[in-house]
Structures are given as C-alpha cells and as structure tokens.
C-alpha atoms as a PDB file:
ATOM      1  CA  UNK A   1      -5.856 -58.350  49.541  1.00  0.00           C
ATOM      2  CA  UNK A   2      -9.386 -58.681  50.739  1.00  0.00           C
ATOM      3  CA  UNK A   3      -9.980 -58.058  54.459  1.00  0.00           C
ATOM      4  CA  UNK A   4     -12.135 -60.684  56.046  1.00  0.00           C
ATOM      5  CA  UNK A   5     -15.176 -59.541  57.776  1.00  0.00           C
ATOM      6  CA  UNK A   6     -16.205 -61.179  61.061  1.00  0.00           C
ATOM      7  CA  UNK A   7     -19.851 -61.964  61.637  1.00  0.00           C
ATOM      8  CA  UNK A   8     -20.008 -59.311  64.246  1.00  0.00           C
ATOM      9  CA  UNK A   9     -18.702 -56.621  61.904  1.00  0.00           C
ATOM     10  CA  UNK A  10     -21.168 -57.842  59.179  1.00  0.00           C
ATOM     11  CA  UNK A  11     -24.077 -57.618  61.648  1.00  0.00           C
ATOM     12  CA  UNK A  12     -23.107 -54.184  62.791  1.00  0.00           C
ATOM     13  CA  UNK A  13     -22.721 -52.996  59.110  1.00  0.00           C
ATOM     14  CA  UNK A  14     -26.182 -54.461  58.236  1.00  0.00           C
ATOM     15  CA  UNK A  15     -27.749 -52.611  61.365  1.00  0.00           C
ATOM     16  CA  UNK A  16     -26.125 -49.307  60.292  1.00  0.00           C
ATOM     17  CA  UNK A  17     -27.647 -49.793  56.671  1.00  0.00           C
ATOM     18  CA  UNK A  18     -31.017 -50.522  58.119  1.00  0.00           C
ATOM     19  CA  UNK A  19     -30.937 -47.501  60.339  1.00  0.00           C
ATOM     20  CA  UNK A  20     -29.967 -45.399  57.394  1.00  0.00           C
ATOM     21  CA  UNK A  21     -32.807 -46.764  55.393  1.00  0.00           C
ATOM     22  CA  UNK A  22     -35.215 -46.081  58.159  1.00  0.00           C
ATOM     23  CA  UNK A  23     -34.098 -42.436  58.309  1.00  0.00           C
ATOM     24  CA  UNK A  24     -34.452 -42.106  54.597  1.00  0.00           C
ATOM     25  CA  UNK A  25     -38.004 -43.488  54.803  1.00  0.00           C
ATOM     26  CA  UNK A  26     -38.827 -41.168  57.561  1.00  0.00           C
ATOM     27  CA  UNK A  27     -37.679 -38.142  55.543  1.00  0.00           C
ATOM     28  CA  UNK A  28     -39.575 -39.109  52.442  1.00  0.00           C
ATOM     29  CA  UNK A  29     -42.708 -39.781  54.529  1.00  0.00           C
ATOM     30  CA  UNK A  30     -42.323 -36.338  56.249  1.00  0.00           C
ATOM     31  CA  UNK A  31     -41.797 -34.610  52.911  1.00  0.00           C
ATOM     32  CA  UNK A  32     -44.788 -36.387  51.381  1.00  0.00           C
ATOM     33  CA  UNK A  33     -46.986 -35.461  54.398  1.00  0.00           C
ATOM     34  CA  UNK A  34     -45.995 -31.758  54.120  1.00  0.00           C
ATOM     35  CA  UNK A  35     -47.022 -31.666  50.431  1.00  0.00           C
ATOM     36  CA  UNK A  36     -50.216 -33.645  50.925  1.00  0.00           C
ATOM     37  CA  UNK A  37     -51.989 -31.172  53.173  1.00  0.00           C
ATOM     38  CA  UNK A  38     -54.053 -29.741  50.273  1.00  0.00           C
ATOM     39  CA  UNK A  39     -57.615 -28.475  50.950  1.00  0.00           C
ATOM     40  CA  UNK A  40     -60.203 -30.514  49.229  1.00  0.00           C
ATOM     41  CA  UNK A  41     -63.116 -28.756  47.812  1.00  0.00           C
ATOM     42  CA  UNK A  42     -66.554 -29.867  48.994  1.00  0.00           C
ATOM     43  CA  UNK A  43     -68.395 -31.551  46.246  1.00  0.00           C
ATOM     44  CA  UNK A  44     -71.762 -30.007  45.388  1.00  0.00           C
ATOM     45  CA  UNK A  45     -74.518 -32.499  45.405  1.00  0.00           C
ATOM     46  CA  UNK A  46     -76.789 -31.887  42.322  1.00  0.00           C
ATOM     47  CA  UNK A  47     -80.297 -33.224  42.817  1.00  0.00           C
ATOM     48  CA  UNK A  48     -81.997 -34.994  40.009  1.00  0.00           C
ATOM     49  CA  UNK A  49     -85.481 -36.253  39.260  1.00  0.00           C
ATOM     50  CA  UNK A  50     -86.794 -38.916  36.952  1.00  0.00           C
ATOM     51  CA  UNK A  51     -89.172 -38.030  34.275  1.00  0.00           C
ATOM     52  CA  UNK A  52     -90.733 -40.131  31.380  1.00  0.00           C
ATOM     53  CA  UNK A  53     -89.732 -38.937  27.864  1.00  0.00           C
ATOM     54  CA  UNK A  54     -91.231 -40.146  24.647  1.00  0.00           C
ATOM     55  CA  UNK A  55     -88.843 -40.231  21.686  1.00  0.00           C
ATOM     56  CA  UNK A  56     -89.199 -40.983  17.989  1.00  0.00           C
ATOM     57  CA  UNK A  57     -86.858 -43.156  15.935  1.00  0.00           C
ATOM     58  CA  UNK A  58     -84.373 -40.282  15.375  1.00  0.00           C
ATOM     59  CA  UNK A  59     -84.253 -39.599  19.199  1.00  0.00           C
ATOM     60  CA  UNK A  60     -86.202 -36.356  18.824  1.00  0.00           C
ATOM     61  CA  UNK A  61     -88.054 -35.690  22.182  1.00  0.00           C
ATOM     62  CA  UNK A  62     -91.771 -35.768  21.609  1.00  0.00           C
ATOM     63  CA  UNK A  63     -93.189 -35.596  25.193  1.00  0.00           C
ATOM     64  CA  UNK A  64     -92.071 -35.321  28.707  1.00  0.00           C
ATOM     65  CA  UNK A  65     -94.098 -36.323  31.862  1.00  0.00           C
ATOM     66  CA  UNK A  66     -93.255 -36.360  35.482  1.00  0.00           C
ATOM     67  CA  UNK A  67     -92.447 -39.801  37.071  1.00  0.00           C
ATOM     68  CA  UNK A  68     -95.714 -39.983  38.917  1.00  0.00           C
ATOM     69  CA  UNK A  69     -97.667 -39.642  35.572  1.00  0.00           C
ATOM     70  CA  UNK A  70     -96.371 -43.029  34.040  1.00  0.00           C
ATOM     71  CA  UNK A  71     -99.930 -44.001  33.005  1.00  0.00           C
ATOM     72  CA  UNK A  72    -100.395 -40.720  31.173  1.00  0.00           C
ATOM     73  CA  UNK A  73     -97.030 -41.118  29.378  1.00  0.00           C
ATOM     74  CA  UNK A  74     -97.817 -44.683  28.243  1.00  0.00           C
ATOM     75  CA  UNK A  75    -101.274 -43.505  27.010  1.00  0.00           C
ATOM     76  CA  UNK A  76     -99.615 -40.694  24.944  1.00  0.00           C
ATOM     77  CA  UNK A  77     -97.153 -43.176  23.630  1.00  0.00           C
ATOM     78  CA  UNK A  78     -99.974 -45.530  22.327  1.00  0.00           C
ATOM     79  CA  UNK A  79    -101.818 -42.473  20.906  1.00  0.00           C
ATOM     80  CA  UNK A  80     -98.734 -41.432  18.863  1.00  0.00           C
ATOM     81  CA  UNK A  81     -98.213 -45.036  17.721  1.00  0.00           C
ATOM     82  CA  UNK A  82    -101.786 -45.223  16.570  1.00  0.00           C
ATOM     83  CA  UNK A  83    -101.719 -41.827  14.844  1.00  0.00           C
ATOM     84  CA  UNK A  84     -98.571 -42.542  12.807  1.00  0.00           C
ATOM     85  CA  UNK A  85     -97.978 -46.177  12.301  1.00  0.00           C
ATOM     86  CA  UNK A  86     -94.938 -45.746  10.108  1.00  0.00           C
ATOM     87  CA  UNK A  87     -92.963 -43.863  12.819  1.00  0.00           C
ATOM     88  CA  UNK A  88     -91.476 -45.800  15.775  1.00  0.00           C
ATOM     89  CA  UNK A  89     -91.920 -44.243  19.116  1.00  0.00           C
ATOM     90  CA  UNK A  90     -90.472 -45.428  22.518  1.00  0.00           C
ATOM     91  CA  UNK A  91     -90.388 -44.253  26.024  1.00  0.00           C
ATOM     92  CA  UNK A  92     -87.461 -43.875  28.423  1.00  0.00           C
ATOM     93  CA  UNK A  93     -87.075 -42.657  32.086  1.00  0.00           C
ATOM     94  CA  UNK A  94     -84.508 -40.033  32.090  1.00  0.00           C
ATOM     95  CA  UNK A  95     -82.786 -38.256  35.037  1.00  0.00           C
ATOM     96  CA  UNK A  96     -82.880 -34.569  34.683  1.00  0.00           C
ATOM     97  CA  UNK A  97     -81.561 -31.732  37.152  1.00  0.00           C
ATOM     98  CA  UNK A  98     -84.126 -30.421  39.592  1.00  0.00           C
ATOM     99  CA  UNK A  99     -84.990 -26.795  39.433  1.00  0.00           C
ATOM    100  CA  UNK A 100     -84.339 -24.813  42.515  1.00  0.00           C
ATOM    101  CA  UNK A 101     -87.544 -23.508  44.056  1.00  0.00           C
END
C-alpha cells in the first residue's frame, strides 16, 4: 500500500529537492565560468577614407578623386558624358583603406 505523506514531510522533501537543484546550478555556473575565461584578441581598427570614383556602365573604374575634390570629380563626369554620349557614366563615393604614412 501507498504510504501517506504529511504536509510537513512533503515540505521537507520539496526543500531538499530545491537545495539539490541550487547546488546543481552552482556547479554548472562554476564550470561555465572556468571555461569562459578565454582571452579576447583586440580588434584592429582599420581606418578608411572616402573618395569619389567614376564608373562606366560595366562598373569599370574610370577615375578616382579625393573627397575634397568633389567639384573636379563631377566636372570630369560631365566631360566623359559629353565625349561619349552612348556610354553611361556615374559617380559614387566609396570607402577605401587609408595608406599608412
């Protein structure tokens, strides 16, 4: 036959299970903390600058100008458009890596 459990015994059993669960969580946390102490490499910040590039319809680069020379870049674009009216040219600002000086 099944033994009847009093509420006091049931509460005591629940407390023991909770304590065992807490110990298990503490063990997992300690184990995870021990494995998580990896060194993280410092990320190298690569500097970039913006330049104006002129492209033709097949994305072939035709010209490149520094960002400060925007007017010169657009003048060259208009010159290209006037010279060859059948070819479409366009201009984009592109980020390129900076050269170390």
